[in-house]
PDB file of N, CA and C in Angstrom:
ATOM      1  N   MET A   1      37.693  -3.227  20.704  1.00  0.00           N
ATOM      2  CA  MET A   1      37.811  -2.465  21.832  1.00  0.00           C
ATOM      3  C   MET A   1      36.758  -2.727  22.861  1.00  0.00           C
ATOM      4  N   ALA A   2      37.512  -2.473  24.180  1.00  0.00           N
ATOM      5  CA  ALA A   2      36.866  -2.902  25.293  1.00  0.00           C
ATOM      6  C   ALA A   2      35.482  -2.135  25.785  1.00  0.00           C
ATOM      7  N   ASN A   3      34.551  -2.542  26.218  1.00  0.00           N
ATOM      8  CA  ASN A   3      33.358  -1.504  26.545  1.00  0.00           C
ATOM      9  C   ASN A   3      33.357  -1.450  27.963  1.00  0.00           C
ATOM     10  N   THR A   4      33.624  -2.227  28.754  1.00  0.00           N
ATOM     11  CA  THR A   4      33.267  -1.987  30.260  1.00  0.00           C
ATOM     12  C   THR A   4      34.288  -1.324  30.880  1.00  0.00           C
ATOM     13  N   VAL A   5      34.191  -0.741  32.037  1.00  0.00           N
ATOM     14  CA  VAL A   5      35.098   0.420  32.763  1.00  0.00           C
ATOM     15  C   VAL A   5      36.210  -0.684  33.241  1.00  0.00           C
ATOM     16  N   SER A   6      35.909  -1.645  33.540  1.00  0.00           N
ATOM     17  CA  SER A   6      36.873  -2.545  34.206  1.00  0.00           C
ATOM     18  C   SER A   6      37.819  -3.184  33.016  1.00  0.00           C
ATOM     19  N   ALA A   7      37.333  -3.602  31.797  1.00  0.00           N
ATOM     20  CA  ALA A   7      38.087  -3.852  30.714  1.00  0.00           C
ATOM     21  C   ALA A   7      39.081  -2.561  30.037  1.00  0.00           C
ATOM     22  N   LEU A   8      38.617  -1.610  30.289  1.00  0.00           N
ATOM     23  CA  LEU A   8      39.364  -0.290  29.691  1.00  0.00           C
ATOM     24  C   LEU A   8      40.385   0.038  30.700  1.00  0.00           C
ATOM     25  N   LYS A   9      40.152  -0.322  31.907  1.00  0.00           N
ATOM     26  CA  LYS A   9      41.416  -0.146  32.851  1.00  0.00           C
ATOM     27  C   LYS A   9      42.372  -1.111  32.644  1.00  0.00           C
ATOM     28  N   ARG A  10      41.744  -2.426  32.450  1.00  0.00           N
ATOM     29  CA  ARG A  10      42.786  -3.486  32.160  1.00  0.00           C
ATOM     30  C   ARG A  10      43.932  -3.149  31.064  1.00  0.00           C
ATOM     31  N   VAL A  11      43.080  -2.336  30.121  1.00  0.00           N
ATOM     32  CA  VAL A  11      43.964  -2.162  29.011  1.00  0.00           C
ATOM     33  C   VAL A  11      44.979  -1.190  29.371  1.00  0.00           C
ATOM     34  N   ARG A  12      44.401  -0.255  30.151  1.00  0.00           N
ATOM     35  CA  ARG A  12      45.584   0.603  30.393  1.00  0.00           C
ATOM     36  C   ARG A  12      46.723   0.403  31.527  1.00  0.00           C
ATOM     37  N   VAL A  13      46.176  -0.652  32.143  1.00  0.00           N
ATOM     38  CA  VAL A  13      47.159  -1.255  33.321  1.00  0.00           C
ATOM     39  C   VAL A  13      48.322  -2.056  32.501  1.00  0.00           C
ATOM     40  N   THR A  14      47.693  -2.679  31.340  1.00  0.00           N
ATOM     41  CA  THR A  14      48.555  -3.676  30.695  1.00  0.00           C
ATOM     42  C   THR A  14      49.646  -2.927  29.888  1.00  0.00           C
ATOM     43  N   GLU A  15      49.167  -1.742  29.264  1.00  0.00           N
ATOM     44  CA  GLU A  15      50.079  -1.052  28.495  1.00  0.00           C
ATOM     45  C   GLU A  15      51.112  -0.316  29.557  1.00  0.00           C
ATOM     46  N   HIS A  16      50.874   0.035  30.541  1.00  0.00           N
ATOM     47  CA  HIS A  16      51.767   0.413  31.778  1.00  0.00           C
ATOM     48  C   HIS A  16      52.821  -0.466  32.120  1.00  0.00           C
ATOM     49  N   ARG A  17      52.224  -1.817  32.250  1.00  0.00           N
ATOM     50  CA  ARG A  17      53.207  -2.603  32.681  1.00  0.00           C
ATOM     51  C   ARG A  17      54.006  -3.077  31.734  1.00  0.00           C
ATOM     52  N   THR A  18      53.464  -3.107  30.673  1.00  0.00           N
ATOM     53  CA  THR A  18      54.376  -3.565  29.347  1.00  0.00           C
ATOM     54  C   THR A  18      55.540  -2.685  29.092  1.00  0.00           C
ATOM     55  N   LEU A  19      55.255  -1.440  29.340  1.00  0.00           N
ATOM     56  CA  LEU A  19      56.367  -0.313  29.088  1.00  0.00           C
ATOM     57  C   LEU A  19      57.512  -0.574  30.396  1.00  0.00           C
ATOM     58  N   ILE A  20      56.955  -0.634  31.516  1.00  0.00           N
ATOM     59  CA  ILE A  20      57.958  -1.036  32.567  1.00  0.00           C
ATOM     60  C   ILE A  20      58.562  -2.336  32.247  1.00  0.00           C
ATOM     61  N   ASN A  21      58.094  -3.503  31.860  1.00  0.00           N
ATOM     62  CA  ASN A  21      58.490  -4.782  31.618  1.00  0.00           C
ATOM     63  C   ASN A  21      59.732  -4.496  30.695  1.00  0.00           C
ATOM     64  N   ARG A  22      59.438  -3.726  29.767  1.00  0.00           N
ATOM     65  CA  ARG A  22      60.332  -4.003  28.341  1.00  0.00           C
ATOM     66  C   ARG A  22      61.627  -3.057  29.009  1.00  0.00           C
ATOM     67  N   THR A  23      61.457  -2.066  29.939  1.00  0.00           N
ATOM     68  CA  THR A  23      62.408  -1.215  30.365  1.00  0.00           C
ATOM     69  C   THR A  23      63.296  -2.207  31.211  1.00  0.00           C
ATOM     70  N   ARG A  24      62.942  -2.956  32.005  1.00  0.00           N
ATOM     71  CA  ARG A  24      63.570  -3.806  32.737  1.00  0.00           C
ATOM     72  C   ARG A  24      64.193  -4.838  32.137  1.00  0.00           C
ATOM     73  N   LYS A  25      63.904  -5.148  31.062  1.00  0.00           N
ATOM     74  CA  LYS A  25      64.525  -6.177  30.169  1.00  0.00           C
ATOM     75  C   LYS A  25      65.438  -5.887  29.450  1.00  0.00           C
ATOM     76  N   THR A  26      65.300  -4.576  29.046  1.00  0.00           N
ATOM     77  CA  THR A  26      66.564  -3.846  28.181  1.00  0.00           C
ATOM     78  C   THR A  26      67.643  -3.565  29.298  1.00  0.00           C
ATOM     79  N   ARG A  27      67.279  -3.213  30.486  1.00  0.00           N
ATOM     80  CA  ARG A  27      68.176  -2.896  31.371  1.00  0.00           C
ATOM     81  C   ARG A  27      69.026  -4.178  31.880  1.00  0.00           C
ATOM     82  N   LEU A  28      68.438  -5.454  31.667  1.00  0.00           N
ATOM     83  CA  LEU A  28      69.003  -6.486  32.094  1.00  0.00           C
ATOM     84  C   LEU A  28      70.158  -6.812  30.954  1.00  0.00           C
ATOM     85  N   ARG A  29      69.225  -6.694  29.816  1.00  0.00           N
ATOM     86  CA  ARG A  29      70.040  -7.091  28.625  1.00  0.00           C
ATOM     87  C   ARG A  29      71.421  -6.380  28.354  1.00  0.00           C
ATOM     88  N   HIS A  30      71.428  -5.035  28.991  1.00  0.00           N
ATOM     89  CA  HIS A  30      72.467  -4.252  28.936  1.00  0.00           C
ATOM     90  C   HIS A  30      73.469  -4.580  29.819  1.00  0.00           C
ATOM     91  N   GLY A  31      73.115  -4.685  30.961  1.00  0.00           N
ATOM     92  CA  GLY A  31      74.121  -5.135  32.189  1.00  0.00           C
ATOM     93  C   GLY A  31      74.694  -6.560  31.623  1.00  0.00           C
ATOM     94  N   ILE A  32      74.106  -7.446  31.192  1.00  0.00           N
ATOM     95  CA  ILE A  32      74.571  -8.822  30.777  1.00  0.00           C
ATOM     96  C   ILE A  32      75.661  -8.657  29.680  1.00  0.00           C
ATOM     97  N   ARG A  33      75.156  -7.758  28.818  1.00  0.00           N
ATOM     98  CA  ARG A  33      76.117  -7.329  27.701  1.00  0.00           C
ATOM     99  C   ARG A  33      77.431  -6.815  28.195  1.00  0.00           C
ATOM    100  N   ALA A  34      77.297  -5.721  28.790  1.00  0.00           N
ATOM    101  CA  ALA A  34      78.552  -5.004  29.417  1.00  0.00           C
ATOM    102  C   ALA A  34      79.413  -6.066  30.228  1.00  0.00           C
ATOM    103  N   MET A  35      79.060  -7.016  30.981  1.00  0.00           N
ATOM    104  CA  MET A  35      79.528  -7.949  31.631  1.00  0.00           C
ATOM    105  C   MET A  35      80.360  -9.072  30.547  1.00  0.00           C
ATOM    106  N   ARG A  36      79.621  -9.370  29.648  1.00  0.00           N
ATOM    107  CA  ARG A  36      80.102 -10.186  28.672  1.00  0.00           C
ATOM    108  C   ARG A  36      81.460  -9.396  27.999  1.00  0.00           C
ATOM    109  N   ARG A  37      81.069  -8.185  27.622  1.00  0.00           N
ATOM    110  CA  ARG A  37      82.189  -7.450  26.934  1.00  0.00           C
ATOM    111  C   ARG A  37      83.717  -7.356  27.709  1.00  0.00           C
ATOM    112  N   LEU A  38      83.287  -7.277  28.992  1.00  0.00           N
ATOM    113  CA  LEU A  38      84.639  -7.144  30.062  1.00  0.00           C
ATOM    114  C   LEU A  38      85.404  -8.554  30.190  1.00  0.00           C
ATOM    115  N   LEU A  39      84.393  -9.659  29.922  1.00  0.00           N
ATOM    116  CA  LEU A  39      84.967 -10.928  29.705  1.00  0.00           C
ATOM    117  C   LEU A  39      85.577 -11.302  28.837  1.00  0.00           C
ATOM    118  N   GLU A  40      85.193 -10.842  27.559  1.00  0.00           N
ATOM    119  CA  GLU A  40      85.578 -10.907  26.198  1.00  0.00           C
ATOM    120  C   GLU A  40      87.081 -10.103  26.085  1.00  0.00           C
ATOM    121  N   THR A  41      87.166  -9.042  26.694  1.00  0.00           N
ATOM    122  CA  THR A  41      88.612  -8.369  26.686  1.00  0.00           C
ATOM    123  C   THR A  41      89.242  -8.731  27.832  1.00  0.00           C
ATOM    124  N   LYS A  42      89.124  -9.888  28.477  1.00  0.00           N
ATOM    125  CA  LYS A  42      89.942 -10.434  29.655  1.00  0.00           C
ATOM    126  C   LYS A  42      90.241  -9.271  30.656  1.00  0.00           C
ATOM    127  N   ASP A  43      89.093  -8.430  31.166  1.00  0.00           N
ATOM    128  CA  ASP A  43      89.365  -7.430  32.114  1.00  0.00           C
ATOM    129  C   ASP A  43      89.037  -7.960  33.280  1.00  0.00           C
ATOM    130  N   VAL A  44      89.590  -8.661  34.185  1.00  0.00           N
ATOM    131  CA  VAL A  44      89.314  -9.311  35.427  1.00  0.00           C
ATOM    132  C   VAL A  44      89.075  -8.413  36.435  1.00  0.00           C
ATOM    133  N   LYS A  45      89.742  -7.239  36.504  1.00  0.00           N
ATOM    134  CA  LYS A  45      89.540  -6.498  37.592  1.00  0.00           C
ATOM    135  C   LYS A  45      87.879  -5.506  37.259  1.00  0.00           C
ATOM    136  N   GLY A  46      87.560  -5.260  36.172  1.00  0.00           N
ATOM    137  CA  GLY A  46      86.523  -4.673  35.699  1.00  0.00           C
ATOM    138  C   GLY A  46      85.142  -5.595  36.064  1.00  0.00           C
ATOM    139  N   ALA A  47      85.481  -6.789  35.376  1.00  0.00           N
ATOM    140  CA  ALA A  47      84.314  -7.877  35.488  1.00  0.00           C
ATOM    141  C   ALA A  47      84.227  -8.186  37.079  1.00  0.00           C
ATOM    142  N   THR A  48      85.105  -8.354  37.817  1.00  0.00           N
ATOM    143  CA  THR A  48      85.043  -8.615  39.186  1.00  0.00           C
ATOM    144  C   THR A  48      84.016  -7.556  39.900  1.00  0.00           C
ATOM    145  N   GLN A  49      84.237  -6.207  39.574  1.00  0.00           N
ATOM    146  CA  GLN A  49      83.671  -5.154  40.157  1.00  0.00           C
ATOM    147  C   GLN A  49      82.173  -5.160  39.669  1.00  0.00           C
ATOM    148  N   LEU A  50      81.956  -5.422  38.319  1.00  0.00           N
ATOM    149  CA  LEU A  50      80.636  -5.396  37.843  1.00  0.00           C
ATOM    150  C   LEU A  50      79.891  -6.560  38.119  1.00  0.00           C
ATOM    151  N   VAL A  51      80.482  -7.755  38.580  1.00  0.00           N
ATOM    152  CA  VAL A  51      79.758  -9.052  38.952  1.00  0.00           C
ATOM    153  C   VAL A  51      78.468  -8.745  40.064  1.00  0.00           C
ATOM    154  N   PRO A  52      78.668  -7.984  41.142  1.00  0.00           N
ATOM    155  CA  PRO A  52      77.632  -7.777  42.078  1.00  0.00           C
ATOM    156  C   PRO A  52      76.259  -7.038  41.333  1.00  0.00           C
ATOM    157  N   LYS A  53      76.791  -5.964  40.616  1.00  0.00           N
ATOM    158  CA  LYS A  53      75.423  -5.327  39.946  1.00  0.00           C
ATOM    159  C   LYS A  53      74.793  -6.172  38.998  1.00  0.00           C
ATOM    160  N   THR A  54      75.545  -7.008  38.351  1.00  0.00           N
ATOM    161  CA  THR A  54      75.180  -7.844  36.985  1.00  0.00           C
ATOM    162  C   THR A  54      74.140  -9.007  37.773  1.00  0.00           C
ATOM    163  N   TYR A  55      74.713  -9.178  39.175  1.00  0.00           N
ATOM    164  CA  TYR A  55      74.011 -10.492  39.702  1.00  0.00           C
ATOM    165  C   TYR A  55      72.698 -10.070  40.120  1.00  0.00           C
ATOM    166  N   SER A  56      72.706  -8.509  40.626  1.00  0.00           N
ATOM    167  CA  SER A  56      71.591  -8.202  41.267  1.00  0.00           C
ATOM    168  C   SER A  56      70.563  -7.736  40.126  1.00  0.00           C
ATOM    169  N   LEU A  57      71.052  -7.284  39.098  1.00  0.00           N
ATOM    170  CA  LEU A  57      70.059  -7.269  37.797  1.00  0.00           C
ATOM    171  C   LEU A  57      69.484  -8.542  37.471  1.00  0.00           C
ATOM    172  N   ILE A  58      70.068  -9.627  37.481  1.00  0.00           N
ATOM    173  CA  ILE A  58      69.866 -10.710  37.142  1.00  0.00           C
ATOM    174  C   ILE A  58      68.511 -11.223  38.243  1.00  0.00           C
ATOM    175  N   ASP A  59      68.843 -11.194  39.384  1.00  0.00           N
ATOM    176  CA  ASP A  59      67.879 -11.615  40.459  1.00  0.00           C
ATOM    177  C   ASP A  59      66.778 -10.705  40.605  1.00  0.00           C
ATOM    178  N   ARG A  60      66.868  -9.458  40.223  1.00  0.00           N
ATOM    179  CA  ARG A  60      65.689  -8.595  40.222  1.00  0.00           C
ATOM    180  C   ARG A  60      64.804  -9.034  39.131  1.00  0.00           C
ATOM    181  N   ALA A  61      65.242  -9.361  37.974  1.00  0.00           N
ATOM    182  CA  ALA A  61      64.417  -9.796  36.538  1.00  0.00           C
ATOM    183  C   ALA A  61      63.691 -10.933  37.029  1.00  0.00           C
ATOM    184  N   ALA A  62      64.608 -11.916  37.797  1.00  0.00           N
ATOM    185  CA  ALA A  62      63.820 -13.108  38.086  1.00  0.00           C
ATOM    186  C   ALA A  62      62.699 -13.266  39.036  1.00  0.00           C
ATOM    187  N   LYS A  63      62.988 -12.321  39.845  1.00  0.00           N
ATOM    188  CA  LYS A  63      62.056 -11.801  41.119  1.00  0.00           C
ATOM    189  C   LYS A  63      60.652 -11.305  40.477  1.00  0.00           C
ATOM    190  N   TRP A  64      60.800 -10.325  39.389  1.00  0.00           N
ATOM    191  CA  TRP A  64      59.897  -9.476  38.987  1.00  0.00           C
ATOM    192  C   TRP A  64      58.881 -10.428  37.543  1.00  0.00           C
ATOM    193  N   GLY A  65      59.762 -11.630  37.372  1.00  0.00           N
ATOM    194  CA  GLY A  65      59.013 -12.635  36.364  1.00  0.00           C
ATOM    195  C   GLY A  65      59.594 -12.021  34.916  1.00  0.00           C
ATOM    196  N   ILE A  66      60.498 -11.370  34.708  1.00  0.00           N
ATOM    197  CA  ILE A  66      61.032 -10.863  33.227  1.00  0.00           C
ATOM    198  C   ILE A  66      61.815 -12.180  32.825  1.00  0.00           C
ATOM    199  N   ILE A  67      62.407 -12.966  33.588  1.00  0.00           N
ATOM    200  CA  ILE A  67      63.099 -13.993  33.196  1.00  0.00           C
ATOM    201  C   ILE A  67      62.731 -15.160  34.340  1.00  0.00           C
ATOM    202  N   LYS A  68      62.701 -16.570  33.998  1.00  0.00           N
ATOM    203  CA  LYS A  68      62.447 -17.469  35.018  1.00  0.00           C
ATOM    204  C   LYS A  68      63.735 -17.611  35.754  1.00  0.00           C
ATOM    205  N   LYS A  69      63.482 -18.316  36.972  1.00  0.00           N
ATOM    206  CA  LYS A  69      64.399 -18.415  38.077  1.00  0.00           C
ATOM    207  C   LYS A  69      65.739 -19.312  37.459  1.00  0.00           C
ATOM    208  N   ASN A  70      65.373 -20.478  36.709  1.00  0.00           N
ATOM    209  CA  ASN A  70      66.139 -21.268  36.268  1.00  0.00           C
ATOM    210  C   ASN A  70      67.154 -20.508  35.069  1.00  0.00           C
ATOM    211  N   THR A  71      66.570 -19.685  34.479  1.00  0.00           N
ATOM    212  CA  THR A  71      67.424 -18.803  33.568  1.00  0.00           C
ATOM    213  C   THR A  71      68.180 -17.763  34.201  1.00  0.00           C
ATOM    214  N   ALA A  72      67.735 -17.278  35.138  1.00  0.00           N
ATOM    215  CA  ALA A  72      68.585 -16.503  36.050  1.00  0.00           C
ATOM    216  C   ALA A  72      69.834 -17.313  36.646  1.00  0.00           C
ATOM    217  N   ALA A  73      69.638 -18.586  37.011  1.00  0.00           N
ATOM    218  CA  ALA A  73      70.727 -19.416  37.557  1.00  0.00           C
ATOM    219  C   ALA A  73      71.918 -19.704  36.577  1.00  0.00           C
ATOM    220  N   ARG A  74      71.411 -19.977  35.428  1.00  0.00           N
ATOM    221  CA  ARG A  74      72.003 -20.476  34.140  1.00  0.00           C
ATOM    222  C   ARG A  74      72.862 -19.220  33.973  1.00  0.00           C
ATOM    223  N   TYR A  75      72.431 -17.895  33.836  1.00  0.00           N
ATOM    224  CA  TYR A  75      73.386 -16.870  33.428  1.00  0.00           C
ATOM    225  C   TYR A  75      74.296 -16.551  34.301  1.00  0.00           C
ATOM    226  N   LYS A  76      73.928 -16.476  35.743  1.00  0.00           N
ATOM    227  CA  LYS A  76      74.883 -16.317  36.787  1.00  0.00           C
ATOM    228  C   LYS A  76      75.839 -17.604  36.601  1.00  0.00           C
ATOM    229  N   SER A  77      75.609 -18.636  36.529  1.00  0.00           N
ATOM    230  CA  SER A  77      76.403 -19.716  36.252  1.00  0.00           C
ATOM    231  C   SER A  77      77.621 -19.616  35.284  1.00  0.00           C
ATOM    232  N   ARG A  78      77.052 -19.291  34.154  1.00  0.00           N
ATOM    233  CA  ARG A  78      78.018 -19.177  32.940  1.00  0.00           C
ATOM    234  C   ARG A  78      78.719 -17.942  33.064  1.00  0.00           C
ATOM    235  N   LEU A  79      78.269 -16.858  33.730  1.00  0.00           N
ATOM    236  CA  LEU A  79      79.174 -15.662  33.660  1.00  0.00           C
ATOM    237  C   LEU A  79      80.337 -16.029  34.948  1.00  0.00           C
ATOM    238  N   THR A  80      79.969 -16.661  35.835  1.00  0.00           N
ATOM    239  CA  THR A  80      80.949 -17.072  36.997  1.00  0.00           C
ATOM    240  C   THR A  80      82.058 -18.007  36.277  1.00  0.00           C
ATOM    241  N   ILE A  81      81.369 -18.953  35.661  1.00  0.00           N
ATOM    242  CA  ILE A  81      82.538 -19.649  34.907  1.00  0.00           C
ATOM    243  C   ILE A  81      83.479 -19.118  34.057  1.00  0.00           C
ATOM    244  N   ARG A  82      83.012 -18.344  33.187  1.00  0.00           N
ATOM    245  CA  ARG A  82      83.869 -17.356  32.508  1.00  0.00           C
ATOM    246  C   ARG A  82      84.880 -16.539  33.041  1.00  0.00           C
ATOM    247  N   LEU A  83      84.204 -15.964  34.301  1.00  0.00           N
ATOM    248  CA  LEU A  83      85.198 -15.179  35.170  1.00  0.00           C
ATOM    249  C   LEU A  83      86.228 -15.825  35.766  1.00  0.00           C
ATOM    250  N   ARG A  84      86.070 -17.111  36.215  1.00  0.00           N
ATOM    251  CA  ARG A  84      86.905 -17.939  36.934  1.00  0.00           C
ATOM    252  C   ARG A  84      87.841 -18.335  35.893  1.00  0.00           C
ATOM    253  N   LYS A  85      87.505 -18.750  34.568  1.00  0.00           N
ATOM    254  CA  LYS A  85      88.518 -19.084  33.907  1.00  0.00           C
ATOM    255  C   LYS A  85      89.328 -18.135  33.078  1.00  0.00           C
ATOM    256  N   ILE A  86      88.923 -16.780  32.994  1.00  0.00           N
ATOM    257  CA  ILE A  86      89.963 -15.569  32.729  1.00  0.00           C
ATOM    258  C   ILE A  86      90.714 -15.082  33.902  1.00  0.00           C
ATOM    259  N   ALA A  87      90.278 -15.545  35.229  1.00  0.00           N
ATOM    260  CA  ALA A  87      91.152 -15.115  36.406  1.00  0.00           C
ATOM    261  C   ALA A  87      91.972 -15.823  36.647  1.00  0.00           C
ATOM    262  N   SER A  88      92.026 -17.355  36.217  1.00  0.00           N
ATOM    263  CA  SER A  88      93.175 -18.501  36.831  1.00  0.00           C
ATOM    264  C   SER A  88      94.221 -18.380  35.724  1.00  0.00           C
ATOM    265  N   ALA A  89      93.828 -17.656  34.314  1.00  0.00           N
ATOM    266  CA  ALA A  89      94.650 -17.785  33.340  1.00  0.00           C
ATOM    267  C   ALA A  89      95.785 -16.827  33.284  1.00  0.00           C
TER     268      ALA A  89
END
């Protein structure tokens, strides 16, 4: 266990940040999952409406450091490709 005041504070801050990061990561996963479900059911209208919200979640997660920048780009690219595929069909 930490002995100094600053070390005790770091423990408190780390626990708090861990909770926030866990919440943000969960929200990101749920957003992507909702988008993927719409794509699987071939709901073009619903998926098109959800794109801005999903992209926003992905971009914010990358900004906060929850996921890396290239990971965010990959997620968005793959979702876009799938959406275009079902929209053209």
